[in-house]
Amino acid sequence: MTTMQYFWRHPLAQEVREQGWEEGREEGRVEAFTETTLRILELRGIPVAAAVRERVESCTDLHQLTARSERAVLAGSADEEFIGPNG
């Protein structure tokens, strides 16, 4: 039992836990921006082609997703131009 308690208190174990928490938070933000972007387009009555939806949903770059959600507010359509040059 002592060995197990030591492991959980070890600095390396704490570092691994913190890394996992940060990765989880990042994944949550990516998912939230993806859903928000698509929801904004839906609420504005803008149809989203399957190919565009796939590209938005497969993106994991938080900066790109942030830019897309901002563009969704003003976009006239959800086409390749909406997605942007970097995919």
Protein backbone atom coordinates (compact mmCIF):
# COMPACT_ATOMS: atom_id res chain seq x y z
CA MET A 1 0.00 0.00 0.00
CA THR A 2 2.85 2.41 0.75
CA THR A 3 4.31 2.04 -2.74
CA MET A 4 0.97 2.89 -4.35
CA GLN A 5 0.50 5.98 -2.16
CA TYR A 6 4.02 7.11 -3.00
CA PHE A 7 3.38 6.76 -6.72
CA TRP A 8 0.33 9.06 -6.65
CA ARG A 9 2.27 11.68 -4.70
CA HIS A 10 5.34 11.50 -6.92
CA PRO A 11 6.00 14.70 -8.96
CA LEU A 12 6.04 12.71 -12.21
CA ALA A 13 2.58 11.30 -11.49
CA GLN A 14 1.30 14.80 -10.74
CA GLU A 15 2.82 16.07 -14.01
CA VAL A 16 1.14 13.29 -15.99
CA ARG A 17 -2.21 14.05 -14.35
CA GLU A 18 -1.90 17.77 -15.10
CA GLN A 19 -0.99 17.03 -18.71
CA GLY A 20 -4.06 14.84 -19.04
CA TRP A 21 -6.27 17.55 -17.54
CA GLU A 22 -4.88 20.15 -19.95
CA GLU A 23 -5.41 17.83 -22.93
CA GLY A 24 -8.97 17.24 -21.76
CA ARG A 25 -9.63 20.97 -21.47
CA GLU A 26 -8.17 21.54 -24.97
CA GLU A 27 -10.37 18.80 -26.43
CA GLY A 28 -13.38 20.34 -24.73
CA ARG A 29 -12.64 23.76 -26.20
CA VAL A 30 -12.19 22.29 -29.69
CA GLU A 31 -15.49 20.44 -29.40
CA ALA A 32 -17.27 23.55 -28.12
CA PHE A 33 -16.00 25.76 -30.96
CA THR A 34 -16.92 23.12 -33.53
CA GLU A 35 -20.46 22.82 -32.21
CA THR A 36 -20.82 26.59 -31.83
CA THR A 37 -19.70 27.29 -35.39
CA LEU A 38 -22.12 24.78 -36.89
CA ARG A 39 -24.92 25.95 -34.58
CA ILE A 40 -24.44 29.61 -35.59
CA LEU A 41 -24.74 28.65 -39.25
CA GLU A 42 -27.82 26.55 -38.52
CA LEU A 43 -29.52 29.34 -36.57
CA ARG A 44 -28.79 31.79 -39.38
CA GLY A 45 -30.45 29.37 -41.84
CA ILE A 46 -27.25 28.74 -43.76
CA PRO A 47 -27.07 25.21 -45.20
CA VAL A 48 -23.82 23.36 -44.54
CA ALA A 49 -22.66 20.88 -47.16
CA ALA A 50 -21.46 17.50 -45.89
CA ALA A 51 -17.90 18.18 -47.08
CA VAL A 52 -17.76 21.50 -45.22
CA ARG A 53 -19.26 19.95 -42.07
CA GLU A 54 -16.65 17.17 -42.21
CA ARG A 55 -13.80 19.66 -42.50
CA VAL A 56 -15.08 21.72 -39.58
CA GLU A 57 -15.63 18.63 -37.43
CA SER A 58 -12.24 17.14 -38.24
CA CYS A 59 -10.31 20.32 -37.40
CA THR A 60 -8.38 20.25 -34.11
CA ASP A 61 -6.67 23.63 -34.43
CA LEU A 62 -8.28 25.93 -31.86
CA HIS A 63 -7.13 29.08 -33.69
CA GLN A 64 -8.75 27.95 -36.95
CA LEU A 65 -11.94 27.00 -35.14
CA THR A 66 -12.04 30.36 -33.39
CA ALA A 67 -11.67 32.17 -36.72
CA ARG A 68 -14.38 30.00 -38.28
CA SER A 69 -16.83 30.70 -35.48
CA GLU A 70 -16.21 34.43 -35.92
CA ARG A 71 -16.71 34.14 -39.70
CA ALA A 72 -19.92 32.16 -39.14
CA VAL A 73 -21.52 35.23 -37.62
CA LEU A 74 -21.13 37.19 -40.86
CA ALA A 75 -20.88 34.47 -43.52
CA GLY A 76 -23.27 34.52 -46.43
CA SER A 77 -22.75 30.83 -47.10
CA ALA A 78 -20.89 27.83 -45.72
CA ASP A 79 -18.70 26.97 -48.66
CA GLU A 80 -14.98 26.47 -49.22
CA GLU A 81 -14.38 30.20 -48.78
CA PHE A 82 -15.93 30.01 -45.30
CA ILE A 83 -13.55 27.20 -44.38
CA GLY A 84 -10.54 29.27 -45.33
CA PRO A 85 -7.30 28.53 -47.15
CA ASN A 86 -5.78 26.33 -44.44
CA GLY A 87 -8.64 23.90 -44.31
